[in-house]
N, C-alpha and C. Protein backbone atom coordinates (compact mmCIF):
# COMPACT_ATOMS: atom_id res chain seq x y z
N MET A 1 -5.92 -5.10 12.79
CA MET A 1 -6.85 -4.66 11.78
C MET A 1 -7.36 -5.84 10.95
N PHE A 2 -6.69 -6.96 11.06
CA PHE A 2 -7.13 -8.16 10.33
C PHE A 2 -7.00 -9.34 11.26
N ASP A 3 -8.12 -10.05 11.46
CA ASP A 3 -8.13 -11.16 12.42
C ASP A 3 -7.63 -12.48 11.83
N GLY A 4 -7.28 -12.50 10.56
CA GLY A 4 -6.79 -13.71 9.93
C GLY A 4 -7.88 -14.69 9.54
N LYS A 5 -9.15 -14.33 9.81
CA LYS A 5 -10.26 -15.25 9.56
C LYS A 5 -11.37 -14.67 8.69
N SER A 6 -11.51 -13.34 8.72
CA SER A 6 -12.64 -12.72 8.01
C SER A 6 -12.24 -11.35 7.49
N LEU A 7 -13.10 -10.76 6.71
CA LEU A 7 -12.89 -9.41 6.21
C LEU A 7 -13.52 -8.36 7.13
N ALA A 8 -13.76 -8.71 8.38
CA ALA A 8 -14.37 -7.78 9.33
C ALA A 8 -13.61 -6.46 9.33
N GLY A 9 -14.32 -5.37 9.12
CA GLY A 9 -13.73 -4.03 9.09
C GLY A 9 -13.31 -3.60 7.70
N TRP A 10 -13.22 -4.52 6.77
CA TRP A 10 -12.78 -4.24 5.40
C TRP A 10 -13.95 -4.40 4.45
N LYS A 11 -13.90 -3.70 3.34
CA LYS A 11 -14.91 -3.90 2.31
C LYS A 11 -14.22 -4.05 0.96
N GLU A 12 -14.84 -4.84 0.11
CA GLU A 12 -14.31 -5.06 -1.22
C GLU A 12 -14.51 -3.79 -2.06
N VAL A 13 -13.50 -3.40 -2.80
CA VAL A 13 -13.58 -2.23 -3.66
C VAL A 13 -14.18 -2.65 -5.01
N SER A 14 -15.07 -1.83 -5.52
CA SER A 14 -15.76 -2.14 -6.78
C SER A 14 -15.00 -1.62 -8.00
N PHE A 15 -13.77 -2.07 -8.16
CA PHE A 15 -13.03 -1.73 -9.37
C PHE A 15 -13.69 -2.41 -10.57
N PRO A 16 -13.69 -1.78 -11.73
CA PRO A 16 -14.18 -2.47 -12.93
C PRO A 16 -13.34 -3.73 -13.19
N ARG A 17 -13.99 -4.83 -13.54
CA ARG A 17 -13.34 -6.10 -13.88
C ARG A 17 -12.41 -6.61 -12.76
N HIS A 18 -12.81 -6.41 -11.52
CA HIS A 18 -11.98 -6.84 -10.39
C HIS A 18 -12.06 -8.35 -10.18
N GLY A 19 -11.05 -8.86 -9.51
CA GLY A 19 -11.01 -10.27 -9.15
C GLY A 19 -11.73 -10.50 -7.83
N ARG A 20 -11.74 -11.74 -7.41
CA ARG A 20 -12.41 -12.13 -6.16
C ARG A 20 -11.52 -11.83 -4.96
N VAL A 21 -12.13 -11.39 -3.88
CA VAL A 21 -11.44 -11.17 -2.61
C VAL A 21 -11.91 -12.25 -1.65
N GLU A 22 -10.96 -12.92 -1.00
CA GLU A 22 -11.32 -13.95 -0.03
C GLU A 22 -10.26 -14.04 1.06
N VAL A 23 -10.63 -14.67 2.15
CA VAL A 23 -9.67 -14.95 3.21
C VAL A 23 -9.31 -16.42 3.09
N ARG A 24 -8.00 -16.68 2.98
CA ARG A 24 -7.52 -18.05 2.80
C ARG A 24 -6.19 -18.21 3.52
N ASP A 25 -6.09 -19.22 4.34
CA ASP A 25 -4.85 -19.55 5.04
C ASP A 25 -4.31 -18.36 5.85
N GLY A 26 -5.20 -17.62 6.50
CA GLY A 26 -4.78 -16.51 7.37
C GLY A 26 -4.40 -15.24 6.63
N ALA A 27 -4.76 -15.15 5.35
CA ALA A 27 -4.41 -13.97 4.56
C ALA A 27 -5.62 -13.49 3.75
N ILE A 28 -5.65 -12.21 3.48
CA ILE A 28 -6.62 -11.66 2.53
C ILE A 28 -6.01 -11.87 1.15
N VAL A 29 -6.72 -12.55 0.29
CA VAL A 29 -6.23 -12.83 -1.06
C VAL A 29 -6.99 -11.95 -2.04
N LEU A 30 -6.24 -11.11 -2.74
CA LEU A 30 -6.79 -10.24 -3.78
C LEU A 30 -6.64 -10.98 -5.09
N GLY A 31 -7.74 -11.48 -5.62
CA GLY A 31 -7.71 -12.30 -6.83
C GLY A 31 -7.34 -11.51 -8.07
N LYS A 32 -6.95 -12.25 -9.09
CA LYS A 32 -6.50 -11.65 -10.34
C LYS A 32 -7.69 -11.01 -11.07
N GLY A 33 -7.54 -9.75 -11.37
CA GLY A 33 -8.52 -8.99 -12.13
C GLY A 33 -7.81 -7.79 -12.70
N ALA A 34 -8.53 -6.92 -13.37
CA ALA A 34 -7.88 -5.70 -13.87
C ALA A 34 -7.22 -4.99 -12.68
N MET A 35 -7.97 -4.79 -11.61
CA MET A 35 -7.43 -4.32 -10.33
C MET A 35 -8.40 -4.83 -9.28
N THR A 36 -7.87 -5.33 -8.19
CA THR A 36 -8.67 -5.89 -7.10
C THR A 36 -8.22 -5.24 -5.81
N GLY A 37 -9.19 -4.89 -4.94
CA GLY A 37 -8.78 -4.22 -3.71
C GLY A 37 -9.78 -4.29 -2.59
N ILE A 38 -9.32 -3.82 -1.44
CA ILE A 38 -10.13 -3.69 -0.23
C ILE A 38 -9.87 -2.32 0.37
N SER A 39 -10.84 -1.83 1.12
CA SER A 39 -10.64 -0.58 1.86
C SER A 39 -11.15 -0.76 3.28
N TRP A 40 -10.54 -0.02 4.19
CA TRP A 40 -10.87 -0.07 5.60
C TRP A 40 -12.14 0.73 5.83
N GLY A 41 -13.10 0.15 6.52
CA GLY A 41 -14.38 0.79 6.75
C GLY A 41 -14.43 1.65 8.00
N GLY A 42 -13.43 1.57 8.84
CA GLY A 42 -13.43 2.32 10.09
C GLY A 42 -12.66 3.63 9.96
N SER A 43 -12.53 4.32 11.06
CA SER A 43 -11.77 5.57 11.06
C SER A 43 -10.28 5.23 11.02
N PHE A 44 -9.50 6.18 10.53
CA PHE A 44 -8.06 5.99 10.45
C PHE A 44 -7.41 7.36 10.54
N PRO A 45 -6.28 7.49 11.26
CA PRO A 45 -5.63 8.80 11.39
C PRO A 45 -5.13 9.33 10.05
N LYS A 46 -4.98 10.64 9.97
CA LYS A 46 -4.49 11.28 8.75
C LYS A 46 -3.00 11.57 8.82
N SER A 47 -2.41 11.38 9.98
CA SER A 47 -0.99 11.62 10.17
C SER A 47 -0.56 10.97 11.48
N ASP A 48 0.74 10.87 11.66
CA ASP A 48 1.33 10.35 12.90
C ASP A 48 0.89 8.92 13.20
N TYR A 49 1.12 8.07 12.22
CA TYR A 49 0.81 6.65 12.38
C TYR A 49 1.85 5.81 11.65
N GLU A 50 1.88 4.56 12.04
CA GLU A 50 2.72 3.56 11.38
C GLU A 50 1.85 2.35 11.11
N ILE A 51 1.95 1.82 9.90
CA ILE A 51 1.21 0.60 9.57
C ILE A 51 2.21 -0.45 9.11
N ARG A 52 1.99 -1.67 9.59
CA ARG A 52 2.85 -2.80 9.23
C ARG A 52 1.96 -3.91 8.67
N PHE A 53 2.51 -4.62 7.70
CA PHE A 53 1.79 -5.75 7.13
C PHE A 53 2.79 -6.66 6.43
N GLU A 54 2.35 -7.86 6.14
CA GLU A 54 3.12 -8.77 5.32
C GLU A 54 2.34 -9.00 4.04
N ALA A 55 3.05 -9.14 2.92
CA ALA A 55 2.39 -9.37 1.65
C ALA A 55 3.24 -10.27 0.77
N ALA A 56 2.55 -10.97 -0.15
CA ALA A 56 3.23 -11.85 -1.10
C ALA A 56 2.53 -11.76 -2.45
N ARG A 57 3.34 -11.80 -3.50
CA ARG A 57 2.78 -11.97 -4.84
C ARG A 57 2.58 -13.48 -4.99
N LEU A 58 1.34 -13.90 -5.13
CA LEU A 58 1.03 -15.32 -5.20
C LEU A 58 0.96 -15.85 -6.63
N GLU A 59 0.68 -14.94 -7.55
CA GLU A 59 0.60 -15.30 -8.97
C GLU A 59 0.61 -14.01 -9.77
N GLY A 60 1.22 -14.01 -10.93
CA GLY A 60 1.25 -12.83 -11.79
C GLY A 60 2.58 -12.12 -11.71
N LYS A 61 2.63 -10.89 -12.29
CA LYS A 61 3.91 -10.19 -12.31
C LYS A 61 3.78 -8.67 -12.20
N ASP A 62 2.74 -8.19 -11.50
CA ASP A 62 2.63 -6.76 -11.31
C ASP A 62 2.43 -6.48 -9.83
N PHE A 63 1.91 -5.27 -9.49
CA PHE A 63 1.86 -4.95 -8.07
C PHE A 63 0.84 -5.82 -7.35
N PHE A 64 1.22 -6.23 -6.15
CA PHE A 64 0.45 -7.18 -5.36
C PHE A 64 0.05 -6.62 -4.01
N ALA A 65 0.60 -5.48 -3.63
CA ALA A 65 0.32 -4.93 -2.30
C ALA A 65 0.46 -3.41 -2.32
N ALA A 66 -0.24 -2.76 -3.24
CA ALA A 66 -0.23 -1.30 -3.23
C ALA A 66 -1.13 -0.85 -2.09
N ILE A 67 -0.61 0.02 -1.24
CA ILE A 67 -1.39 0.51 -0.11
C ILE A 67 -1.67 2.00 -0.32
N THR A 68 -2.95 2.35 -0.31
CA THR A 68 -3.39 3.74 -0.38
C THR A 68 -3.63 4.20 1.05
N PHE A 69 -3.13 5.39 1.38
CA PHE A 69 -3.15 5.83 2.77
C PHE A 69 -3.33 7.34 2.87
N PRO A 70 -3.86 7.81 4.01
CA PRO A 70 -4.03 9.26 4.20
C PRO A 70 -2.72 9.94 4.57
N VAL A 71 -2.58 11.17 4.06
CA VAL A 71 -1.45 12.04 4.38
C VAL A 71 -2.04 13.43 4.60
N LYS A 72 -2.27 13.77 5.84
CA LYS A 72 -2.93 15.03 6.20
C LYS A 72 -4.24 15.16 5.42
N ASP A 73 -4.38 16.17 4.56
CA ASP A 73 -5.63 16.37 3.82
C ASP A 73 -5.61 15.73 2.43
N SER A 74 -4.65 14.85 2.18
CA SER A 74 -4.53 14.21 0.89
C SER A 74 -4.39 12.70 1.08
N TYR A 75 -4.06 12.02 -0.01
CA TYR A 75 -3.83 10.57 0.01
C TYR A 75 -2.68 10.26 -0.93
N CYS A 76 -2.10 9.09 -0.75
CA CYS A 76 -0.98 8.66 -1.57
C CYS A 76 -1.05 7.13 -1.65
N THR A 77 -0.35 6.54 -2.60
CA THR A 77 -0.29 5.09 -2.72
C THR A 77 1.17 4.66 -2.78
N TRP A 78 1.52 3.68 -1.95
CA TRP A 78 2.84 3.06 -2.00
C TRP A 78 2.70 1.81 -2.87
N VAL A 79 3.27 1.87 -4.05
CA VAL A 79 3.19 0.77 -5.01
C VAL A 79 4.37 -0.18 -4.76
N CYS A 80 4.07 -1.45 -4.65
CA CYS A 80 5.10 -2.46 -4.42
C CYS A 80 5.03 -3.50 -5.52
N GLY A 81 6.03 -3.50 -6.40
CA GLY A 81 6.10 -4.47 -7.48
C GLY A 81 5.34 -4.08 -8.73
N GLY A 82 5.21 -2.81 -9.01
CA GLY A 82 4.45 -2.36 -10.17
C GLY A 82 5.25 -2.31 -11.45
N TRP A 83 4.60 -1.86 -12.50
CA TRP A 83 5.22 -1.69 -13.81
C TRP A 83 5.97 -2.94 -14.23
N ASP A 84 5.22 -4.01 -14.33
CA ASP A 84 5.74 -5.31 -14.76
C ASP A 84 6.57 -6.01 -13.69
N GLY A 85 6.37 -5.62 -12.43
CA GLY A 85 6.87 -6.44 -11.35
C GLY A 85 7.95 -5.95 -10.43
N THR A 86 8.66 -4.87 -10.76
CA THR A 86 9.80 -4.52 -9.92
C THR A 86 9.76 -3.11 -9.32
N VAL A 87 8.93 -2.21 -9.80
CA VAL A 87 8.96 -0.82 -9.33
C VAL A 87 8.32 -0.69 -7.95
N VAL A 88 9.04 -0.02 -7.07
CA VAL A 88 8.56 0.34 -5.74
C VAL A 88 8.65 1.85 -5.62
N GLY A 89 7.58 2.49 -5.17
CA GLY A 89 7.61 3.94 -4.99
C GLY A 89 6.23 4.49 -4.67
N LEU A 90 6.18 5.80 -4.46
CA LEU A 90 4.94 6.48 -4.11
C LEU A 90 4.30 7.10 -5.34
N SER A 91 2.98 6.96 -5.42
CA SER A 91 2.19 7.61 -6.46
C SER A 91 1.14 8.46 -5.76
N ASN A 92 1.25 9.70 -5.93
CA ASN A 92 2.13 10.54 -6.70
C ASN A 92 2.95 11.44 -5.79
N VAL A 93 4.11 11.86 -6.27
CA VAL A 93 4.93 12.85 -5.59
C VAL A 93 5.16 13.98 -6.58
N ASP A 94 4.74 15.18 -6.21
CA ASP A 94 4.86 16.36 -7.06
C ASP A 94 4.28 16.11 -8.46
N GLY A 95 3.17 15.36 -8.51
CA GLY A 95 2.47 15.12 -9.76
C GLY A 95 2.97 13.94 -10.57
N TYR A 96 4.03 13.28 -10.15
CA TYR A 96 4.61 12.16 -10.89
C TYR A 96 4.33 10.84 -10.18
N ASP A 97 4.03 9.80 -10.97
CA ASP A 97 3.73 8.52 -10.35
C ASP A 97 5.01 7.79 -9.92
N ALA A 98 4.82 6.62 -9.32
CA ALA A 98 5.94 5.88 -8.71
C ALA A 98 7.02 5.48 -9.70
N SER A 99 6.69 5.39 -10.96
CA SER A 99 7.71 5.02 -11.95
C SER A 99 8.54 6.21 -12.41
N GLU A 100 8.12 7.44 -12.03
CA GLU A 100 8.74 8.65 -12.58
C GLU A 100 9.28 9.62 -11.54
N ASN A 101 9.13 9.35 -10.27
CA ASN A 101 9.58 10.32 -9.27
C ASN A 101 10.78 9.79 -8.47
N GLU A 102 11.28 10.63 -7.56
CA GLU A 102 12.50 10.29 -6.82
C GLU A 102 12.35 9.11 -5.87
N THR A 103 11.12 8.65 -5.61
CA THR A 103 10.93 7.49 -4.73
C THR A 103 11.05 6.18 -5.50
N SER A 104 11.11 6.24 -6.82
CA SER A 104 11.13 5.04 -7.65
C SER A 104 12.43 4.25 -7.46
N THR A 105 12.26 2.98 -7.21
CA THR A 105 13.39 2.06 -7.10
C THR A 105 12.94 0.72 -7.66
N ASN A 106 13.88 -0.12 -8.01
CA ASN A 106 13.55 -1.45 -8.51
C ASN A 106 13.92 -2.50 -7.49
N ARG A 107 13.05 -3.49 -7.39
CA ARG A 107 13.28 -4.58 -6.43
C ARG A 107 12.63 -5.83 -6.99
N ASP A 108 13.32 -6.93 -6.91
CA ASP A 108 12.75 -8.22 -7.32
C ASP A 108 11.94 -8.80 -6.17
N PHE A 109 10.76 -9.32 -6.50
CA PHE A 109 9.91 -9.99 -5.53
C PHE A 109 9.69 -11.42 -6.01
N GLU A 110 10.04 -12.38 -5.17
CA GLU A 110 9.86 -13.79 -5.51
C GLU A 110 8.39 -14.17 -5.33
N THR A 111 7.84 -14.86 -6.29
CA THR A 111 6.47 -15.35 -6.19
C THR A 111 6.36 -16.32 -5.02
N GLY A 112 5.36 -16.11 -4.19
CA GLY A 112 5.11 -16.98 -3.05
C GLY A 112 5.85 -16.63 -1.77
N ARG A 113 6.77 -15.68 -1.84
CA ARG A 113 7.53 -15.28 -0.64
C ARG A 113 6.83 -14.12 0.06
N TRP A 114 6.72 -14.21 1.38
CA TRP A 114 6.11 -13.15 2.18
C TRP A 114 7.17 -12.13 2.56
N TYR A 115 6.83 -10.86 2.39
CA TYR A 115 7.72 -9.74 2.71
C TYR A 115 7.07 -8.90 3.80
N GLU A 116 7.91 -8.33 4.67
CA GLU A 116 7.43 -7.41 5.70
C GLU A 116 7.51 -5.99 5.17
N PHE A 117 6.43 -5.24 5.35
CA PHE A 117 6.35 -3.85 4.92
C PHE A 117 6.01 -2.98 6.12
N ARG A 118 6.60 -1.78 6.15
CA ARG A 118 6.29 -0.82 7.21
C ARG A 118 6.23 0.55 6.59
N LEU A 119 5.19 1.31 6.93
CA LEU A 119 4.96 2.65 6.40
C LEU A 119 4.71 3.58 7.58
N ALA A 120 5.45 4.68 7.64
CA ALA A 120 5.26 5.67 8.71
C ALA A 120 4.93 7.01 8.08
N VAL A 121 3.88 7.65 8.58
CA VAL A 121 3.44 8.94 8.07
C VAL A 121 3.36 9.91 9.24
N THR A 122 4.13 11.01 9.14
CA THR A 122 4.05 12.09 10.12
C THR A 122 3.69 13.36 9.37
N ALA A 123 3.57 14.46 10.07
CA ALA A 123 3.26 15.73 9.43
C ALA A 123 4.36 16.16 8.46
N LYS A 124 5.59 15.68 8.69
CA LYS A 124 6.72 16.12 7.88
C LYS A 124 7.32 15.08 6.94
N ARG A 125 6.98 13.78 7.13
CA ARG A 125 7.66 12.75 6.33
C ARG A 125 6.74 11.58 6.02
N ILE A 126 7.07 10.91 4.93
CA ILE A 126 6.58 9.57 4.65
C ILE A 126 7.82 8.71 4.52
N GLN A 127 7.87 7.65 5.31
CA GLN A 127 8.99 6.72 5.24
C GLN A 127 8.43 5.31 5.07
N ALA A 128 9.14 4.50 4.28
CA ALA A 128 8.67 3.14 4.02
C ALA A 128 9.85 2.17 4.01
N TRP A 129 9.62 1.01 4.58
CA TRP A 129 10.63 -0.03 4.68
C TRP A 129 10.10 -1.33 4.10
N ILE A 130 10.98 -2.08 3.47
CA ILE A 130 10.72 -3.48 3.13
C ILE A 130 11.74 -4.26 3.94
N GLY A 131 11.23 -5.09 4.84
CA GLY A 131 12.12 -5.73 5.80
C GLY A 131 12.75 -4.64 6.66
N THR A 132 14.07 -4.63 6.75
CA THR A 132 14.75 -3.60 7.54
C THR A 132 15.34 -2.49 6.67
N SER A 133 15.09 -2.55 5.35
CA SER A 133 15.66 -1.56 4.43
C SER A 133 14.70 -0.38 4.21
N LEU A 134 15.18 0.81 4.52
CA LEU A 134 14.42 2.03 4.23
C LEU A 134 14.46 2.23 2.71
N VAL A 135 13.29 2.20 2.06
CA VAL A 135 13.25 2.32 0.60
C VAL A 135 12.65 3.64 0.14
N THR A 136 11.97 4.36 1.03
CA THR A 136 11.35 5.64 0.68
C THR A 136 11.45 6.58 1.87
N ASP A 137 11.81 7.82 1.58
CA ASP A 137 11.88 8.85 2.61
C ASP A 137 11.57 10.19 1.94
N VAL A 138 10.35 10.65 2.10
CA VAL A 138 9.90 11.87 1.43
C VAL A 138 9.67 12.96 2.46
N ASP A 139 10.25 14.11 2.21
CA ASP A 139 10.09 15.30 3.05
C ASP A 139 8.83 16.03 2.60
N LEU A 140 7.79 16.00 3.41
CA LEU A 140 6.52 16.63 3.05
C LEU A 140 6.55 18.15 3.16
N THR A 141 7.63 18.71 3.68
CA THR A 141 7.72 20.17 3.71
C THR A 141 8.16 20.73 2.36
N VAL A 142 8.67 19.86 1.48
CA VAL A 142 9.09 20.31 0.15
C VAL A 142 8.39 19.57 -0.99
N SER A 143 7.72 18.46 -0.71
CA SER A 143 7.03 17.68 -1.74
C SER A 143 5.54 17.61 -1.45
N VAL A 144 4.76 17.50 -2.52
CA VAL A 144 3.31 17.37 -2.42
C VAL A 144 2.93 15.98 -2.91
N VAL A 145 2.11 15.28 -2.12
CA VAL A 145 1.66 13.95 -2.52
C VAL A 145 0.19 13.99 -2.92
N SER A 146 -0.17 13.08 -3.80
CA SER A 146 -1.55 12.98 -4.28
C SER A 146 -1.75 11.58 -4.85
N LEU A 147 -2.97 11.31 -5.30
CA LEU A 147 -3.27 10.02 -5.92
C LEU A 147 -3.15 10.09 -7.43
N ARG A 148 -2.92 8.95 -8.04
CA ARG A 148 -2.92 8.84 -9.50
C ARG A 148 -4.30 9.16 -10.04
N PHE A 149 -4.40 9.32 -11.33
CA PHE A 149 -5.64 9.67 -12.01
C PHE A 149 -6.57 8.47 -12.20
N ASP A 150 -6.16 7.27 -11.85
CA ASP A 150 -6.98 6.08 -12.09
C ASP A 150 -7.96 5.84 -10.93
N ASP A 151 -8.48 4.63 -10.83
CA ASP A 151 -9.51 4.29 -9.83
C ASP A 151 -8.97 4.01 -8.44
N ILE A 152 -7.69 4.19 -8.19
CA ILE A 152 -7.11 3.84 -6.89
C ILE A 152 -7.76 4.64 -5.76
N ASP A 153 -8.39 5.77 -6.08
CA ASP A 153 -9.06 6.56 -5.04
C ASP A 153 -10.21 5.78 -4.39
N LEU A 154 -10.67 4.71 -5.01
CA LEU A 154 -11.71 3.88 -4.41
C LEU A 154 -11.21 3.15 -3.16
N CYS A 155 -9.91 3.11 -2.95
CA CYS A 155 -9.33 2.46 -1.77
C CYS A 155 -9.28 3.38 -0.55
N LYS A 156 -9.64 4.65 -0.71
CA LYS A 156 -9.59 5.58 0.42
C LYS A 156 -10.56 5.15 1.51
N PRO A 157 -10.30 5.44 2.77
CA PRO A 157 -9.18 6.21 3.28
C PRO A 157 -7.90 5.37 3.42
N LEU A 158 -8.05 4.07 3.54
CA LEU A 158 -6.91 3.16 3.65
C LEU A 158 -7.30 1.89 2.93
N GLY A 159 -6.44 1.41 2.05
CA GLY A 159 -6.79 0.19 1.33
C GLY A 159 -5.60 -0.43 0.63
N PHE A 160 -5.82 -1.64 0.17
CA PHE A 160 -4.81 -2.40 -0.54
C PHE A 160 -5.36 -2.78 -1.91
N ALA A 161 -4.46 -2.89 -2.90
CA ALA A 161 -4.88 -3.29 -4.23
C ALA A 161 -3.79 -4.10 -4.91
N SER A 162 -4.22 -4.93 -5.85
CA SER A 162 -3.32 -5.66 -6.74
C SER A 162 -3.76 -5.38 -8.17
N TYR A 163 -2.83 -5.53 -9.10
CA TYR A 163 -3.13 -5.26 -10.50
C TYR A 163 -2.76 -6.48 -11.36
N ALA A 164 -3.77 -7.11 -11.97
CA ALA A 164 -3.56 -8.26 -12.85
C ALA A 164 -2.68 -9.32 -12.20
N THR A 165 -2.78 -9.42 -10.89
CA THR A 165 -1.89 -10.26 -10.08
C THR A 165 -2.68 -10.74 -8.87
N VAL A 166 -2.37 -11.92 -8.39
CA VAL A 166 -2.95 -12.41 -7.13
C VAL A 166 -2.00 -12.01 -6.01
N GLY A 167 -2.51 -11.23 -5.06
CA GLY A 167 -1.71 -10.80 -3.93
C GLY A 167 -2.30 -11.29 -2.63
N GLY A 168 -1.44 -11.58 -1.67
CA GLY A 168 -1.86 -11.96 -0.34
C GLY A 168 -1.38 -10.93 0.66
N ILE A 169 -2.23 -10.59 1.62
CA ILE A 169 -1.89 -9.61 2.65
C ILE A 169 -2.30 -10.19 3.99
N ARG A 170 -1.43 -10.08 4.97
CA ARG A 170 -1.73 -10.60 6.30
C ARG A 170 -1.02 -9.75 7.35
N MET A 171 -1.31 -10.04 8.61
CA MET A 171 -0.64 -9.40 9.75
C MET A 171 -0.73 -7.86 9.67
N ILE A 172 -1.89 -7.34 9.33
CA ILE A 172 -2.06 -5.89 9.20
C ILE A 172 -2.28 -5.29 10.58
N GLU A 173 -1.45 -4.34 10.94
CA GLU A 173 -1.61 -3.65 12.22
C GLU A 173 -1.10 -2.22 12.09
N TYR A 174 -1.63 -1.35 12.94
CA TYR A 174 -1.13 0.01 12.95
C TYR A 174 -1.08 0.52 14.37
N ARG A 175 -0.30 1.59 14.52
CA ARG A 175 -0.20 2.27 15.82
C ARG A 175 0.00 3.75 15.54
N THR A 176 -0.40 4.56 16.48
CA THR A 176 -0.12 5.98 16.37
C THR A 176 1.30 6.21 16.86
N ILE A 177 1.94 7.25 16.30
CA ILE A 177 3.29 7.57 16.68
C ILE A 177 3.37 9.07 16.97
N THR A 178 4.41 9.46 17.65
CA THR A 178 4.64 10.87 17.93
C THR A 178 5.13 11.52 16.66
N GLY A 179 4.50 12.62 16.27
CA GLY A 179 4.89 13.33 15.04
C GLY A 179 6.30 13.83 15.11
N GLY A 180 6.82 14.14 13.95
CA GLY A 180 8.17 14.64 13.87
C GLY A 180 8.73 14.43 12.49
N GLY A 181 9.96 14.75 12.33
CA GLY A 181 10.54 14.66 11.01
C GLY A 181 11.53 13.55 10.82
N GLY A 182 11.91 12.84 11.87
CA GLY A 182 12.95 11.83 11.73
C GLY A 182 12.39 10.44 11.57
N ALA A 183 13.29 9.50 11.45
CA ALA A 183 12.89 8.10 11.31
C ALA A 183 12.21 7.62 12.58
N VAL A 184 11.26 6.73 12.41
CA VAL A 184 10.55 6.16 13.54
C VAL A 184 10.94 4.71 13.73
């Protein structure tokens, strides 16, 4: 989904007071702004897919690789490093954002270090990993996901955003998977 050289297939999101988006050193760099982002311009599945990417906080102390993604007829955002730098979780689950719901966890992210992220969405589950650690596992048969009330919906159907932080994203790829309820 990213050739490491250009924004082909991606478009810059027009967040108010956004930073600059550029490709540098094989990564998409989301410059420091109130919120800066990109969205995928092509088609993307609504379920039964896995997306993998690497991301780094290059400067700042808030989220650097929030990914907004489709979940059946809705959307959700996996926030990585939010709320002053450490909160990881989904916004929203049952009406609560990532800092207030059962997916909320704290994790330290070193500035300049690249992390591997993996997100799997099936008809019954959302699962997310950082490296080899499963950090989120939501049962969609009992929970409802949605987007926050802010401008993150501009990243639909699939997009990345950073908040008051410079974030780098690279090695973006996805594949379809067989639906089901277990880990993929």
